Amino acid sequence: MWTDDEIEKGIQAGGAAREKALYHVFFQQDWKGAAIIFVLQNGGYEPDGDDIAQKAFVLFENNVRLGKFKGQSSLKTYFLAIARYQWYKELKRRRPTEELQPEQYEEGGGDVEENYISQEKKEFLGKALAKLSERCQEVLRRQRLGESLEAIARAVGLSSAAMAKKEAYRCRMRLRKFIDEHPGWRDLIL
C-alpha cells in the first residue's frame, strides 16, 4: 500500500517510479472505478465514466508532476474532485440551453485544488438554498448580486427597503437553521 507522499514523489520522479505510482492508483486502488461510479450516479453511462476518468487522470498526473497539488486533501479526494469537475463540465456542454446561475460565472483565483473544492461547496450551497421558499431564494440571490434593498423590495413585492432587509435576515436564518438541523451539510458547505 502506497502513501500519498510516496505516490506524489513517484509521479514527480518520472520514469519507472512514475509508471508504478500511476499504475498503483489507477488500477490497484481503483480510482478509475470510483470516478466511473460517480458518473453513473450522476446521469452518465460507463463509457462516459471511462472518458472522464481518463481526462481526470491526465490532469491529476500533470498537476502533481508540476507541483500544483498543495496537500489540502488526500490525493484520491483531489483526483475525484477533478473527475467531478470534468463531469459537470461535460454535462454543461451537453445541455447548452440550460440557464447558468451567476455563481457559475465566477472564476476564483488560486490553484486548481482550491477551485475544485470551492466549486463543490458552491454546488452544495445551491442545493441547500433550494430547500428554502422561492421568495427566500430570490431575495438572497438578488442580495448576492448586489442589488439595492429598494430594488429587492420592488422585485419580491415588499413595502420598503427595511422590509427587504428583514426578509433577507429571516431567509439567512432559515438557511442557517436548515444547516444546523442537517450537520452533514455543514461539512459540505463550510
Protein backbone atom coordinates (compact mmCIF):
# COMPACT_ATOMS: atom_id res chain seq x y z
CA MET A 1 0.00 0.00 0.00
CA TRP A 2 1.46 3.32 -1.05
CA THR A 3 1.09 6.51 0.98
CA ASP A 4 0.08 9.78 -0.65
CA ASP A 5 3.61 11.05 -0.12
CA GLU A 6 5.12 8.02 -1.90
CA ILE A 7 2.67 8.37 -4.78
CA GLU A 8 3.42 12.08 -5.14
CA LYS A 9 7.19 11.52 -5.05
CA GLY A 10 6.92 8.66 -7.54
CA ILE A 11 4.97 10.80 -10.02
CA GLN A 12 7.39 13.68 -9.65
CA ALA A 13 10.43 11.41 -10.03
CA GLY A 14 9.38 10.34 -13.51
CA GLY A 15 10.43 7.22 -15.35
CA ALA A 16 9.68 3.80 -13.87
CA ALA A 17 8.76 5.28 -10.47
CA ARG A 18 6.11 7.44 -12.15
CA GLU A 19 4.69 4.48 -14.06
CA LYS A 20 4.49 2.32 -10.92
CA ALA A 21 2.80 5.07 -8.90
CA LEU A 22 0.25 5.81 -11.63
CA TYR A 23 -0.49 2.12 -12.19
CA HIS A 24 -1.00 1.67 -8.47
CA VAL A 25 -3.52 4.48 -8.03
CA PHE A 26 -5.39 3.90 -11.25
CA PHE A 27 -5.74 0.12 -11.16
CA GLN A 28 -4.75 -1.33 -7.78
CA GLN A 29 -6.58 1.31 -5.71
CA ASP A 30 -9.24 1.61 -8.45
CA TRP A 31 -9.58 5.39 -8.51
CA LYS A 32 -10.83 4.89 -12.05
CA GLY A 33 -13.70 2.77 -10.71
CA ALA A 34 -14.61 5.44 -8.17
CA ALA A 35 -14.78 8.07 -10.93
CA ILE A 36 -16.96 5.79 -13.09
CA ILE A 37 -19.34 5.17 -10.17
CA PHE A 38 -19.66 8.94 -9.62
CA VAL A 39 -20.55 9.48 -13.29
CA LEU A 40 -23.07 6.60 -13.22
CA GLN A 41 -24.72 8.09 -10.12
CA ASN A 42 -24.95 11.49 -11.79
CA GLY A 43 -26.66 10.76 -15.07
CA GLY A 44 -23.88 9.20 -17.13
CA TYR A 45 -23.03 5.83 -18.58
CA GLU A 46 -19.98 3.63 -18.18
CA PRO A 47 -18.25 4.90 -21.36
CA ASP A 48 -18.79 8.47 -20.08
CA GLY A 49 -17.24 7.47 -16.77
CA ASP A 50 -14.27 5.89 -18.51
CA ASP A 51 -13.70 9.05 -20.57
CA ILE A 52 -13.98 11.29 -17.50
CA ALA A 53 -11.61 9.06 -15.53
CA GLN A 54 -9.05 9.27 -18.36
CA LYS A 55 -9.31 13.09 -18.55
CA ALA A 56 -9.10 13.42 -14.78
CA PHE A 57 -6.13 11.04 -14.69
CA VAL A 58 -4.18 13.15 -17.20
CA LEU A 59 -4.96 16.38 -15.33
CA PHE A 60 -4.19 14.78 -11.97
CA GLU A 61 -0.81 13.44 -13.13
CA ASN A 62 0.10 16.77 -14.72
CA ASN A 63 -0.85 18.80 -11.63
CA VAL A 64 1.03 16.51 -9.24
CA ARG A 65 4.08 16.35 -11.51
CA LEU A 66 4.18 20.15 -11.77
CA GLY A 67 3.75 20.63 -8.01
CA LYS A 68 0.28 22.21 -8.26
CA PHE A 69 -1.15 19.82 -5.68
CA LYS A 70 -0.92 21.65 -2.33
CA GLY A 71 -1.80 18.80 0.01
CA GLN A 72 -5.07 20.30 1.26
CA SER A 73 -6.77 16.95 0.72
CA SER A 74 -5.79 13.36 0.07
CA LEU A 75 -4.62 12.53 -3.44
CA LYS A 76 -7.71 10.40 -4.02
CA THR A 77 -10.00 13.27 -2.97
CA TYR A 78 -8.07 15.54 -5.31
CA PHE A 79 -8.40 13.08 -8.20
CA LEU A 80 -12.14 12.64 -7.58
CA ALA A 81 -12.62 16.41 -7.37
CA ILE A 82 -11.02 16.72 -10.79
CA ALA A 83 -13.27 13.92 -12.11
CA ARG A 84 -16.39 15.59 -10.68
CA TYR A 85 -15.43 18.91 -12.18
CA GLN A 86 -14.81 17.29 -15.58
CA TRP A 87 -18.18 15.51 -15.45
CA TYR A 88 -20.08 18.68 -14.52
CA LYS A 89 -18.26 20.48 -17.31
CA GLU A 90 -19.31 17.73 -19.72
CA LEU A 91 -22.92 17.91 -18.55
CA LYS A 92 -22.90 21.66 -19.07
CA ARG A 93 -21.52 21.15 -22.59
CA ARG A 94 -24.25 18.62 -23.36
CA ARG A 95 -27.01 20.91 -22.13
CA PRO A 96 -26.05 24.32 -23.50
CA THR A 97 -29.60 25.66 -23.32
CA GLU A 98 -29.80 25.45 -19.54
CA GLU A 99 -29.69 28.79 -17.79
CA LEU A 100 -26.47 29.28 -15.86
CA GLN A 101 -26.60 30.66 -12.36
CA PRO A 102 -24.47 33.75 -11.57
CA GLU A 103 -22.21 31.78 -9.23
CA GLN A 104 -21.24 29.56 -12.17
CA TYR A 105 -19.75 32.56 -13.95
CA GLU A 106 -17.49 33.47 -11.08
CA GLU A 107 -13.94 32.28 -11.54
CA GLY A 108 -12.00 32.39 -8.32
CA GLY A 109 -8.26 32.80 -8.30
CA GLY A 110 -5.99 30.34 -6.60
CA ASP A 111 -4.78 26.96 -7.52
CA VAL A 112 -6.67 24.11 -9.17
CA GLU A 113 -7.31 22.19 -5.97
CA GLU A 114 -8.89 25.20 -4.23
CA ASN A 115 -11.06 25.88 -7.28
CA TYR A 116 -12.38 22.31 -7.38
CA ILE A 117 -13.18 22.29 -3.68
CA SER A 118 -14.74 25.75 -3.91
CA GLN A 119 -16.90 24.68 -6.87
CA GLU A 120 -18.13 21.65 -4.98
CA LYS A 121 -19.04 23.78 -1.95
CA LYS A 122 -20.98 26.20 -4.19
CA GLU A 123 -22.96 23.30 -5.62
CA PHE A 124 -23.93 22.06 -2.17
CA LEU A 125 -24.80 25.60 -1.05
CA GLY A 126 -27.06 25.88 -4.10
CA LYS A 127 -28.77 22.62 -3.10
CA ALA A 128 -29.23 23.91 0.46
CA LEU A 129 -30.69 27.18 -0.84
CA ALA A 130 -33.16 25.17 -2.93
CA LYS A 131 -34.63 23.92 0.35
CA LEU A 132 -35.87 27.48 1.07
CA SER A 133 -39.02 29.08 -0.32
CA GLU A 134 -38.87 30.63 -3.78
CA ARG A 135 -39.21 34.08 -2.22
CA CYS A 136 -36.21 33.48 0.05
CA GLN A 137 -34.18 32.15 -2.85
CA GLU A 138 -35.00 35.26 -4.87
CA VAL A 139 -34.20 37.67 -2.03
CA LEU A 140 -30.85 36.01 -1.28
CA ARG A 141 -29.96 35.71 -4.98
CA ARG A 142 -30.65 39.40 -5.60
CA GLN A 143 -28.76 40.38 -2.46
CA ARG A 144 -25.77 38.27 -3.57
CA LEU A 145 -25.84 40.07 -6.92
CA GLY A 146 -25.53 43.36 -5.06
CA GLU A 147 -28.98 44.78 -5.77
CA SER A 148 -30.16 47.57 -3.52
CA LEU A 149 -32.70 46.82 -0.80
CA GLU A 150 -35.18 49.07 -2.60
CA ALA A 151 -34.84 47.05 -5.81
CA ILE A 152 -35.21 43.79 -3.90
CA ALA A 153 -38.35 45.09 -2.17
CA ARG A 154 -39.92 46.04 -5.52
CA ALA A 155 -38.96 42.73 -7.14
CA VAL A 156 -40.47 40.49 -4.46
CA GLY A 157 -43.43 42.69 -3.52
CA LEU A 158 -42.31 44.09 -0.18
CA SER A 159 -43.39 47.53 1.00
CA SER A 160 -39.96 49.02 1.76
CA ALA A 161 -36.21 48.56 1.86
CA ALA A 162 -36.47 47.94 5.61
CA MET A 163 -38.85 45.04 4.95
CA ALA A 164 -36.41 43.64 2.34
CA LYS A 165 -33.62 43.83 4.91
CA LYS A 166 -35.76 41.94 7.47
CA GLU A 167 -36.77 39.34 4.88
CA ALA A 168 -33.12 38.79 3.86
CA TYR A 169 -32.21 38.29 7.52
CA ARG A 170 -35.08 35.81 8.06
CA CYS A 171 -34.06 33.88 4.96
CA ARG A 172 -30.44 33.65 6.11
CA MET A 173 -31.66 32.40 9.49
CA ARG A 174 -33.82 29.74 7.77
CA LEU A 175 -30.78 28.62 5.78
CA ARG A 176 -28.68 28.53 8.96
CA LYS A 177 -31.42 26.54 10.74
CA PHE A 178 -31.52 24.03 7.87
CA ILE A 179 -27.74 23.61 8.03
CA ASP A 180 -27.82 23.27 11.83
CA GLU A 181 -30.56 20.63 11.62
CA HIS A 182 -28.57 18.70 8.98
CA PRO A 183 -24.99 18.56 10.31
CA GLY A 184 -23.75 16.64 7.26
CA TRP A 185 -24.49 19.68 5.12
CA ARG A 186 -22.31 21.91 7.32
CA ASP A 187 -19.23 19.87 6.39
CA LEU A 188 -20.13 20.07 2.70
CA ILE A 189 -20.69 23.84 2.66
CA LEU A 190 -18.27 25.30 5.20
